[in-house]
Amino acid sequence: MRAGNRSMINMMEHIQGQTFHARRGELKNAFKYGVDFVLYDPLTATPPMLLSQNRFNLWSMSDSRHGGTRGRGDGVRWFRDVLEDRGFPMEDTRLVLLAQPSFLWFHFNPVSFWIALRDGKPCAYVAEVNNTFGHRHCYFCAHEDFRPIGKDDTITADKLMHVSPFQKVAGLYKFNFDMSDDAINIRILYENDGEGVLATLTGSRRPATNASLLWAALRRPFGAVRVVALIYMQALILWIKRAPFMRKPPPPQPLISDSHTFRGKRT
């Protein structure tokens, strides 16, 4: 990572990105929409005026919303504990969060990512997955030797939490992470018995500024309210297409699970 991008995380970065979802199998459905994420170091970042940490603003990030039990998180301290419990080398490691900020009083993150950087390179991720039923499960993604995770590395994990009422709690997630100096490109493929869903998040890394945040509020109004509305709209489309409906099971325990298979290329 270039020195310039190291300092960008101190300032907070605004990822004005896109997410794409495509359902695979007999019943197909696909959609794409713009989304705003923030990438920052919770301990050192200096936010612009329209983005605050742990207090109300037009846009805000709150420690209690991330890192641990949903709504009662410990922020970056939780991520540090997760890494230390797994023997991750913490010396010269920087911990950052990629997540959607709250808009005014409303917050919802379908998925956010804790990232451990060593020498500017991502060596571990935690995918913090939330559903619209108030549940959360976290997937720890890293190589067994904690070497950097490249764009062609595929990390797999068992799906353990109910995310959509149109998908079973079964099968695998396949994660591909590409975090370059200039962009974020995350790919998650869910597979189960020949069916599944491909979800992507892509966007350029730019400093978060008052101008970029104001433009996001005008271009994509209502923030997380809009995201939830889009989720329910796609659920309605699947219901109209007569997709099988699954009842909500209890959330999985424990809160976090580990990836278990490593492959060299995307599938």
C-alpha atoms as a PDB file:
ATOM      1  CA  MET A   1       0.000   0.000   0.000  1.00  0.00           C
ATOM      2  CA  ARG A   2       1.401   3.361  -0.914  1.00  0.00           C
ATOM      3  CA  ALA A   3       2.141   5.863   1.831  1.00  0.00           C
ATOM      4  CA  GLY A   4      -0.611   8.079   0.458  1.00  0.00           C
ATOM      5  CA  ASN A   5      -3.230   5.390   0.991  1.00  0.00           C
ATOM      6  CA  ARG A   6      -1.978   4.678   4.518  1.00  0.00           C
ATOM      7  CA  SER A   7      -2.729   8.302   5.363  1.00  0.00           C
ATOM      8  CA  MET A   8      -6.092   8.068   3.589  1.00  0.00           C
ATOM      9  CA  ILE A   9      -7.320   5.600   6.206  1.00  0.00           C
ATOM     10  CA  ASN A  10      -6.380   8.173   8.868  1.00  0.00           C
ATOM     11  CA  MET A  11      -8.738  10.577   7.110  1.00  0.00           C
ATOM     12  CA  MET A  12     -11.433   7.926   6.468  1.00  0.00           C
ATOM     13  CA  GLU A  13     -12.148   6.701   2.975  1.00  0.00           C
ATOM     14  CA  HIS A  14     -15.483   6.892   1.191  1.00  0.00           C
ATOM     15  CA  ILE A  15     -16.144   3.931  -1.100  1.00  0.00           C
ATOM     16  CA  GLN A  16     -18.888   5.043  -3.491  1.00  0.00           C
ATOM     17  CA  GLY A  17     -19.415   1.558  -4.796  1.00  0.00           C
ATOM     18  CA  GLN A  18     -21.800  -0.854  -6.415  1.00  0.00           C
ATOM     19  CA  THR A  19     -23.202  -4.137  -5.227  1.00  0.00           C
ATOM     20  CA  PHE A  20     -24.397  -6.827  -7.616  1.00  0.00           C
ATOM     21  CA  HIS A  21     -26.467  -9.910  -6.723  1.00  0.00           C
ATOM     22  CA  ALA A  22     -27.334 -12.744  -9.083  1.00  0.00           C
ATOM     23  CA  ARG A  23     -29.319 -15.826  -8.118  1.00  0.00           C
ATOM     24  CA  ARG A  24     -28.127 -18.986  -9.877  1.00  0.00           C
ATOM     25  CA  GLY A  25     -30.044 -22.164 -10.577  1.00  0.00           C
ATOM     26  CA  GLU A  26     -33.521 -22.893 -11.915  1.00  0.00           C
ATOM     27  CA  LEU A  27     -35.024 -19.643 -10.591  1.00  0.00           C
ATOM     28  CA  LYS A  28     -32.890 -16.668 -11.649  1.00  0.00           C
ATOM     29  CA  ASN A  29     -32.910 -13.077 -10.463  1.00  0.00           C
ATOM     30  CA  ALA A  30     -30.293 -10.314 -10.622  1.00  0.00           C
ATOM     31  CA  PHE A  31     -29.992  -6.706  -9.526  1.00  0.00           C
ATOM     32  CA  LYS A  32     -27.367  -3.994  -9.039  1.00  0.00           C
ATOM     33  CA  TYR A  33     -27.416  -0.757  -7.093  1.00  0.00           C
ATOM     34  CA  GLY A  34     -25.089   1.901  -5.733  1.00  0.00           C
ATOM     35  CA  VAL A  35     -23.990   1.813  -2.109  1.00  0.00           C
ATOM     36  CA  ASP A  36     -21.780   3.874   0.205  1.00  0.00           C
ATOM     37  CA  PHE A  37     -19.145   2.319   2.470  1.00  0.00           C
ATOM     38  CA  VAL A  38     -16.537   3.829   4.763  1.00  0.00           C
ATOM     39  CA  LEU A  39     -13.047   2.353   5.243  1.00  0.00           C
ATOM     40  CA  TYR A  40     -11.221   3.570   8.336  1.00  0.00           C
ATOM     41  CA  ASP A  41      -9.042   2.837  11.332  1.00  0.00           C
ATOM     42  CA  PRO A  42     -11.360   3.244  14.355  1.00  0.00           C
ATOM     43  CA  LEU A  43      -8.455   4.237  16.612  1.00  0.00           C
ATOM     44  CA  THR A  44      -6.787   6.913  14.484  1.00  0.00           C
ATOM     45  CA  ALA A  45      -9.159   8.086  11.754  1.00  0.00           C
ATOM     46  CA  THR A  46     -10.067  11.757  11.563  1.00  0.00           C
ATOM     47  CA  PRO A  47     -13.570  12.096  10.072  1.00  0.00           C
ATOM     48  CA  PRO A  48     -14.822  15.082   8.063  1.00  0.00           C
ATOM     49  CA  MET A  49     -17.486  17.318   9.574  1.00  0.00           C
ATOM     50  CA  LEU A  50     -20.478  15.378   8.145  1.00  0.00           C
ATOM     51  CA  LEU A  51     -19.254  11.982   9.422  1.00  0.00           C
ATOM     52  CA  SER A  52     -18.862  11.261  13.145  1.00  0.00           C
ATOM     53  CA  GLN A  53     -17.699   8.417  15.355  1.00  0.00           C
ATOM     54  CA  ASN A  54     -19.976   7.441  18.238  1.00  0.00           C
ATOM     55  CA  ARG A  55     -22.273  10.449  17.982  1.00  0.00           C
ATOM     56  CA  PHE A  56     -25.197  11.629  15.863  1.00  0.00           C
ATOM     57  CA  ASN A  57     -24.549  13.250  12.495  1.00  0.00           C
ATOM     58  CA  LEU A  58     -25.703  13.143   8.892  1.00  0.00           C
ATOM     59  CA  TRP A  59     -23.458  10.062   8.570  1.00  0.00           C
ATOM     60  CA  SER A  60     -21.957   8.228  11.538  1.00  0.00           C
ATOM     61  CA  MET A  61     -20.055   5.140  12.631  1.00  0.00           C
ATOM     62  CA  SER A  62     -20.659   3.592  16.044  1.00  0.00           C
ATOM     63  CA  ASP A  63     -18.427   1.117  17.886  1.00  0.00           C
ATOM     64  CA  SER A  64     -21.450  -0.593  19.425  1.00  0.00           C
ATOM     65  CA  ARG A  65     -22.775  -1.548  15.987  1.00  0.00           C
ATOM     66  CA  HIS A  66     -19.702  -3.611  15.069  1.00  0.00           C
ATOM     67  CA  GLY A  67     -17.473  -6.195  16.697  1.00  0.00           C
ATOM     68  CA  GLY A  68     -19.455  -8.675  18.770  1.00  0.00           C
ATOM     69  CA  THR A  69     -23.130  -9.092  19.563  1.00  0.00           C
ATOM     70  CA  ARG A  70     -25.356  -7.051  17.277  1.00  0.00           C
ATOM     71  CA  GLY A  71     -26.193  -3.696  18.850  1.00  0.00           C
ATOM     72  CA  ARG A  72     -23.816  -4.331  21.779  1.00  0.00           C
ATOM     73  CA  GLY A  73     -20.484  -4.563  20.000  1.00  0.00           C
ATOM     74  CA  ASP A  74     -17.034  -3.706  21.327  1.00  0.00           C
ATOM     75  CA  GLY A  75     -15.703  -2.365  18.033  1.00  0.00           C
ATOM     76  CA  VAL A  76     -12.063  -2.906  17.171  1.00  0.00           C
ATOM     77  CA  ARG A  77     -11.280  -4.414  20.596  1.00  0.00           C
ATOM     78  CA  TRP A  78     -13.411  -7.420  19.655  1.00  0.00           C
ATOM     79  CA  PHE A  79     -11.544  -7.878  16.369  1.00  0.00           C
ATOM     80  CA  ARG A  80      -8.210  -7.715  18.182  1.00  0.00           C
ATOM     81  CA  ASP A  81      -9.374 -10.427  20.591  1.00  0.00           C
ATOM     82  CA  VAL A  82     -10.509 -12.604  17.660  1.00  0.00           C
ATOM     83  CA  LEU A  83      -7.086 -12.321  16.048  1.00  0.00           C
ATOM     84  CA  GLU A  84      -5.154 -12.955  19.253  1.00  0.00           C
ATOM     85  CA  ASP A  85      -7.272 -16.024  20.047  1.00  0.00           C
ATOM     86  CA  ARG A  86      -6.183 -17.502  16.703  1.00  0.00           C
ATOM     87  CA  GLY A  87      -2.499 -16.708  17.131  1.00  0.00           C
ATOM     88  CA  PHE A  88      -2.396 -13.902  14.573  1.00  0.00           C
ATOM     89  CA  PRO A  89       0.884 -11.898  14.763  1.00  0.00           C
ATOM     90  CA  MET A  90      -0.280  -8.544  16.118  1.00  0.00           C
ATOM     91  CA  GLU A  91       3.001  -6.622  15.982  1.00  0.00           C
ATOM     92  CA  ASP A  92       2.873  -3.940  13.260  1.00  0.00           C
ATOM     93  CA  THR A  93      -0.711  -4.962  12.407  1.00  0.00           C
ATOM     94  CA  ARG A  94      -3.308  -2.346  11.573  1.00  0.00           C
ATOM     95  CA  LEU A  95      -7.002  -3.029  12.066  1.00  0.00           C
ATOM     96  CA  VAL A  96      -9.551  -1.313   9.839  1.00  0.00           C
ATOM     97  CA  LEU A  97     -13.285  -1.574   9.219  1.00  0.00           C
ATOM     98  CA  LEU A  98     -15.185  -1.469   5.922  1.00  0.00           C
ATOM     99  CA  ALA A  99     -18.863  -0.799   6.600  1.00  0.00           C
ATOM    100  CA  GLN A 100     -21.880   1.249   5.598  1.00  0.00           C
ATOM    101  CA  PRO A 101     -22.284   4.296   7.837  1.00  0.00           C
ATOM    102  CA  SER A 102     -25.520   5.144   9.598  1.00  0.00           C
ATOM    103  CA  PHE A 103     -27.615   7.821   7.888  1.00  0.00           C
ATOM    104  CA  LEU A 104     -29.135  10.171  10.482  1.00  0.00           C
ATOM    105  CA  TRP A 105     -30.645   7.724  13.010  1.00  0.00           C
ATOM    106  CA  PHE A 106     -31.025   4.648  10.779  1.00  0.00           C
ATOM    107  CA  HIS A 107     -28.503   1.832  10.422  1.00  0.00           C
ATOM    108  CA  PHE A 108     -28.310  -1.503   8.626  1.00  0.00           C
ATOM    109  CA  ASN A 109     -25.284  -3.364   7.265  1.00  0.00           C
ATOM    110  CA  PRO A 110     -26.050  -6.579   5.360  1.00  0.00           C
ATOM    111  CA  VAL A 111     -22.319  -7.280   5.584  1.00  0.00           C
ATOM    112  CA  SER A 112     -19.315  -5.365   6.843  1.00  0.00           C
ATOM    113  CA  PHE A 113     -15.668  -6.399   6.966  1.00  0.00           C
ATOM    114  CA  TRP A 114     -12.967  -6.189   9.614  1.00  0.00           C
ATOM    115  CA  ILE A 115      -9.542  -6.265   7.930  1.00  0.00           C
ATOM    116  CA  ALA A 116      -6.107  -6.934   9.469  1.00  0.00           C
ATOM    117  CA  LEU A 117      -3.315  -5.250   7.492  1.00  0.00           C
ATOM    118  CA  ARG A 118       0.340  -6.226   7.771  1.00  0.00           C
ATOM    119  CA  ASP A 119       2.755  -4.153   5.714  1.00  0.00           C
ATOM    120  CA  GLY A 120      -0.310  -2.634   4.086  1.00  0.00           C
ATOM    121  CA  LYS A 121      -1.549  -6.037   2.868  1.00  0.00           C
ATOM    122  CA  PRO A 122      -4.732  -7.750   4.070  1.00  0.00           C
ATOM    123  CA  CYS A 123      -3.913 -10.952   5.968  1.00  0.00           C
ATOM    124  CA  ALA A 124      -7.249 -11.639   7.679  1.00  0.00           C
ATOM    125  CA  TYR A 125     -10.869 -10.622   7.251  1.00  0.00           C
ATOM    126  CA  VAL A 126     -13.970 -11.059   9.362  1.00  0.00           C
ATOM    127  CA  ALA A 127     -17.185 -10.888   7.340  1.00  0.00           C
ATOM    128  CA  GLU A 128     -19.807  -9.566   9.759  1.00  0.00           C
ATOM    129  CA  VAL A 129     -23.116 -10.743   8.253  1.00  0.00           C
ATOM    130  CA  ASN A 130     -26.476  -9.393   9.441  1.00  0.00           C
ATOM    131  CA  ASN A 131     -29.972 -10.358   8.376  1.00  0.00           C
ATOM    132  CA  THR A 132     -33.183  -8.341   8.565  1.00  0.00           C
ATOM    133  CA  PHE A 133     -34.416 -10.498  11.490  1.00  0.00           C
ATOM    134  CA  GLY A 134     -31.899  -9.038  13.952  1.00  0.00           C
ATOM    135  CA  HIS A 135     -29.361 -11.887  13.758  1.00  0.00           C
ATOM    136  CA  ARG A 136     -25.610 -11.761  13.144  1.00  0.00           C
ATOM    137  CA  HIS A 137     -22.915 -14.300  12.332  1.00  0.00           C
ATOM    138  CA  CYS A 138     -19.243 -13.620  11.616  1.00  0.00           C
ATOM    139  CA  TYR A 139     -16.972 -15.603   9.278  1.00  0.00           C
ATOM    140  CA  PHE A 140     -13.225 -15.481   9.996  1.00  0.00           C
ATOM    141  CA  CYS A 141     -11.268 -15.648   6.726  1.00  0.00           C
ATOM    142  CA  ALA A 142      -7.498 -16.154   6.621  1.00  0.00           C
ATOM    143  CA  HIS A 143      -4.817 -18.536   5.409  1.00  0.00           C
ATOM    144  CA  GLU A 144      -3.563 -20.988   7.992  1.00  0.00           C
ATOM    145  CA  ASP A 145      -0.161 -19.250   8.045  1.00  0.00           C
ATOM    146  CA  PHE A 146      -1.734 -15.746   7.903  1.00  0.00           C
ATOM    147  CA  ARG A 147       0.060 -14.868   4.675  1.00  0.00           C
ATOM    148  CA  PRO A 148      -1.477 -12.034   2.608  1.00  0.00           C
ATOM    149  CA  ILE A 149      -4.777 -12.805   0.912  1.00  0.00           C
ATOM    150  CA  GLY A 150      -4.560 -12.239  -2.840  1.00  0.00           C
ATOM    151  CA  LYS A 151      -7.312 -11.583  -5.337  1.00  0.00           C
ATOM    152  CA  ASP A 152      -7.126 -15.143  -6.726  1.00  0.00           C
ATOM    153  CA  ASP A 153      -7.298 -16.844  -3.320  1.00  0.00           C
ATOM    154  CA  THR A 154     -10.659 -18.444  -2.596  1.00  0.00           C
ATOM    155  CA  ILE A 155     -11.547 -18.932   1.061  1.00  0.00           C
ATOM    156  CA  THR A 156     -14.561 -21.085   1.865  1.00  0.00           C
ATOM    157  CA  ALA A 157     -16.786 -21.324   4.924  1.00  0.00           C
ATOM    158  CA  ASP A 158     -19.929 -23.227   5.837  1.00  0.00           C
ATOM    159  CA  LYS A 159     -23.080 -21.109   5.664  1.00  0.00           C
ATOM    160  CA  LEU A 160     -24.419 -21.114   9.224  1.00  0.00           C
ATOM    161  CA  MET A 161     -26.937 -18.269   9.410  1.00  0.00           C
ATOM    162  CA  HIS A 162     -30.340 -17.681   7.827  1.00  0.00           C
ATOM    163  CA  VAL A 163     -29.909 -14.657   5.558  1.00  0.00           C
ATOM    164  CA  SER A 164     -32.753 -14.917   3.055  1.00  0.00           C
ATOM    165  CA  PRO A 165     -36.086 -16.718   3.482  1.00  0.00           C
ATOM    166  CA  PHE A 166     -35.534 -18.042  -0.045  1.00  0.00           C
ATOM    167  CA  GLN A 167     -32.291 -19.891   0.769  1.00  0.00           C
ATOM    168  CA  LYS A 168     -31.526 -22.832   3.017  1.00  0.00           C
ATOM    169  CA  VAL A 169     -29.036 -22.693   5.888  1.00  0.00           C
ATOM    170  CA  ALA A 170     -26.744 -25.123   4.099  1.00  0.00           C
ATOM    171  CA  GLY A 171     -23.918 -25.112   1.573  1.00  0.00           C
ATOM    172  CA  LEU A 172     -20.788 -23.003   1.289  1.00  0.00           C
ATOM    173  CA  TYR A 173     -19.680 -19.416   0.971  1.00  0.00           C
ATOM    174  CA  LYS A 174     -16.681 -18.809  -1.293  1.00  0.00           C
ATOM    175  CA  PHE A 175     -14.945 -15.517  -0.538  1.00  0.00           C
ATOM    176  CA  ASN A 176     -12.587 -13.621  -2.858  1.00  0.00           C
ATOM    177  CA  PHE A 177     -11.018 -10.431  -1.512  1.00  0.00           C
ATOM    178  CA  ASP A 178      -9.147  -7.919  -3.670  1.00  0.00           C
ATOM    179  CA  MET A 179      -8.000  -4.846  -1.765  1.00  0.00           C
ATOM    180  CA  SER A 180      -5.604  -2.839  -3.923  1.00  0.00           C
ATOM    181  CA  ASP A 181      -4.143   0.613  -3.396  1.00  0.00           C
ATOM    182  CA  ASP A 182      -6.972   2.168  -5.365  1.00  0.00           C
ATOM    183  CA  ALA A 183     -10.037  -0.065  -5.132  1.00  0.00           C
ATOM    184  CA  ILE A 184     -12.034  -2.641  -3.212  1.00  0.00           C
ATOM    185  CA  ASN A 185     -13.394  -5.709  -5.007  1.00  0.00           C
ATOM    186  CA  ILE A 186     -15.090  -8.344  -2.843  1.00  0.00           C
ATOM    187  CA  ARG A 187     -16.844 -11.383  -4.282  1.00  0.00           C
ATOM    188  CA  ILE A 188     -18.974 -13.824  -2.271  1.00  0.00           C
ATOM    189  CA  LEU A 189     -20.415 -16.887  -3.983  1.00  0.00           C
ATOM    190  CA  TYR A 190     -22.965 -18.981  -2.103  1.00  0.00           C
ATOM    191  CA  GLU A 191     -23.383 -22.527  -3.429  1.00  0.00           C
ATOM    192  CA  ASN A 192     -25.754 -25.315  -2.418  1.00  0.00           C
ATOM    193  CA  ASP A 193     -26.860 -28.299  -4.559  1.00  0.00           C
ATOM    194  CA  GLY A 194     -26.289 -26.576  -7.888  1.00  0.00           C
ATOM    195  CA  GLU A 195     -27.981 -23.347  -6.854  1.00  0.00           C
ATOM    196  CA  GLY A 196     -26.740 -20.227  -5.153  1.00  0.00           C
ATOM    197  CA  VAL A 197     -26.168 -16.488  -5.200  1.00  0.00           C
ATOM    198  CA  LEU A 198     -23.244 -14.378  -6.375  1.00  0.00           C
ATOM    199  CA  ALA A 199     -22.782 -11.093  -4.496  1.00  0.00           C
ATOM    200  CA  THR A 200     -20.115  -8.500  -5.215  1.00  0.00           C
ATOM    201  CA  LEU A 201     -18.994  -5.178  -3.777  1.00  0.00           C
ATOM    202  CA  THR A 202     -16.768  -2.958  -5.907  1.00  0.00           C
ATOM    203  CA  GLY A 203     -15.634   0.624  -5.603  1.00  0.00           C
ATOM    204  CA  SER A 204     -12.729   3.042  -5.774  1.00  0.00           C
ATOM    205  CA  ARG A 205     -10.895   4.173  -2.660  1.00  0.00           C
ATOM    206  CA  ARG A 206     -11.193   7.935  -2.214  1.00  0.00           C
ATOM    207  CA  PRO A 207     -10.902  10.240   0.804  1.00  0.00           C
ATOM    208  CA  ALA A 208     -14.174  10.856   2.630  1.00  0.00           C
ATOM    209  CA  THR A 209     -14.945  14.551   2.287  1.00  0.00           C
ATOM    210  CA  ASN A 210     -17.919  16.721   3.175  1.00  0.00           C
ATOM    211  CA  ALA A 211     -18.570  17.125  -0.553  1.00  0.00           C
ATOM    212  CA  SER A 212     -18.556  13.364  -1.247  1.00  0.00           C
ATOM    213  CA  LEU A 213     -20.799  12.646   1.749  1.00  0.00           C
ATOM    214  CA  LEU A 214     -23.274  15.379   0.841  1.00  0.00           C
ATOM    215  CA  TRP A 215     -23.356  14.164  -2.749  1.00  0.00           C
ATOM    216  CA  ALA A 216     -24.049  10.598  -1.536  1.00  0.00           C
ATOM    217  CA  ALA A 217     -26.936  11.837   0.606  1.00  0.00           C
ATOM    218  CA  LEU A 218     -28.460  13.590  -2.441  1.00  0.00           C
ATOM    219  CA  ARG A 219     -27.708  10.877  -4.997  1.00  0.00           C
ATOM    220  CA  ARG A 220     -28.669   7.910  -2.802  1.00  0.00           C
ATOM    221  CA  PRO A 221     -31.042   9.443  -0.236  1.00  0.00           C
ATOM    222  CA  PHE A 222     -31.968   7.851   3.088  1.00  0.00           C
ATOM    223  CA  GLY A 223     -28.873   5.631   3.314  1.00  0.00           C
ATOM    224  CA  ALA A 224     -29.665   2.336   5.041  1.00  0.00           C
ATOM    225  CA  VAL A 225     -33.436   2.924   4.751  1.00  0.00           C
ATOM    226  CA  ARG A 226     -32.970   2.700   0.998  1.00  0.00           C
ATOM    227  CA  VAL A 227     -30.860  -0.476   1.334  1.00  0.00           C
ATOM    228  CA  VAL A 228     -33.529  -2.235   3.416  1.00  0.00           C
ATOM    229  CA  ALA A 229     -36.263  -1.117   1.003  1.00  0.00           C
ATOM    230  CA  LEU A 230     -34.283  -2.586  -1.907  1.00  0.00           C
ATOM    231  CA  ILE A 231     -33.839  -5.869  -0.015  1.00  0.00           C
ATOM    232  CA  TYR A 232     -37.594  -6.163   0.578  1.00  0.00           C
ATOM    233  CA  MET A 233     -38.330  -5.228  -3.018  1.00  0.00           C
ATOM    234  CA  GLN A 234     -36.126  -8.089  -4.255  1.00  0.00           C
ATOM    235  CA  ALA A 235     -37.794 -10.434  -1.756  1.00  0.00           C
ATOM    236  CA  LEU A 236     -41.171  -9.461  -3.221  1.00  0.00           C
ATOM    237  CA  ILE A 237     -39.885 -10.225  -6.719  1.00  0.00           C
ATOM    238  CA  LEU A 238     -38.740 -13.691  -5.614  1.00  0.00           C
ATOM    239  CA  TRP A 239     -42.082 -14.307  -3.892  1.00  0.00           C
ATOM    240  CA  ILE A 240     -43.911 -13.360  -7.104  1.00  0.00           C
ATOM    241  CA  LYS A 241     -41.646 -15.797  -8.977  1.00  0.00           C
ATOM    242  CA  ARG A 242     -42.758 -18.472  -6.468  1.00  0.00           C
ATOM    243  CA  ALA A 243     -39.365 -19.082  -4.917  1.00  0.00           C
ATOM    244  CA  PRO A 244     -39.624 -21.610  -2.022  1.00  0.00           C
ATOM    245  CA  PHE A 245     -40.011 -19.802   1.321  1.00  0.00           C
ATOM    246  CA  MET A 246     -38.020 -20.991   4.368  1.00  0.00           C
ATOM    247  CA  ARG A 247     -39.015 -20.259   7.947  1.00  0.00           C
ATOM    248  CA  LYS A 248     -36.553 -18.369  10.131  1.00  0.00           C
ATOM    249  CA  PRO A 249     -34.423 -20.665  12.353  1.00  0.00           C
ATOM    250  CA  PRO A 250     -32.652 -19.451  15.534  1.00  0.00           C
ATOM    251  CA  PRO A 251     -29.318 -17.649  15.035  1.00  0.00           C
ATOM    252  CA  PRO A 252     -26.220 -19.879  15.138  1.00  0.00           C
ATOM    253  CA  GLN A 253     -23.956 -20.187  18.144  1.00  0.00           C
ATOM    254  CA  PRO A 254     -21.172 -19.278  18.638  1.00  0.00           C
ATOM    255  CA  LEU A 255     -21.075 -15.820  17.074  1.00  0.00           C
ATOM    256  CA  ILE A 256     -18.043 -16.504  14.865  1.00  0.00           C
ATOM    257  CA  SER A 257     -16.877 -19.455  12.766  1.00  0.00           C
ATOM    258  CA  ASP A 258     -13.658 -20.118  10.864  1.00  0.00           C
ATOM    259  CA  SER A 259     -13.017 -20.713   7.180  1.00  0.00           C
ATOM    260  CA  HIS A 260     -11.787 -24.200   6.440  1.00  0.00           C
ATOM    261  CA  THR A 261     -10.726 -24.623   2.817  1.00  0.00           C
ATOM    262  CA  PHE A 262      -8.290 -22.705   0.656  1.00  0.00           C
ATOM    263  CA  ARG A 263      -8.136 -22.787  -3.105  1.00  0.00           C
ATOM    264  CA  GLY A 264      -5.886 -21.051  -5.571  1.00  0.00           C
ATOM    265  CA  LYS A 265      -8.310 -19.671  -8.154  1.00  0.00           C
ATOM    266  CA  ARG A 266     -11.793 -18.226  -8.326  1.00  0.00           C
ATOM    267  CA  THR A 267     -14.584 -20.578  -9.298  1.00  0.00           C
END
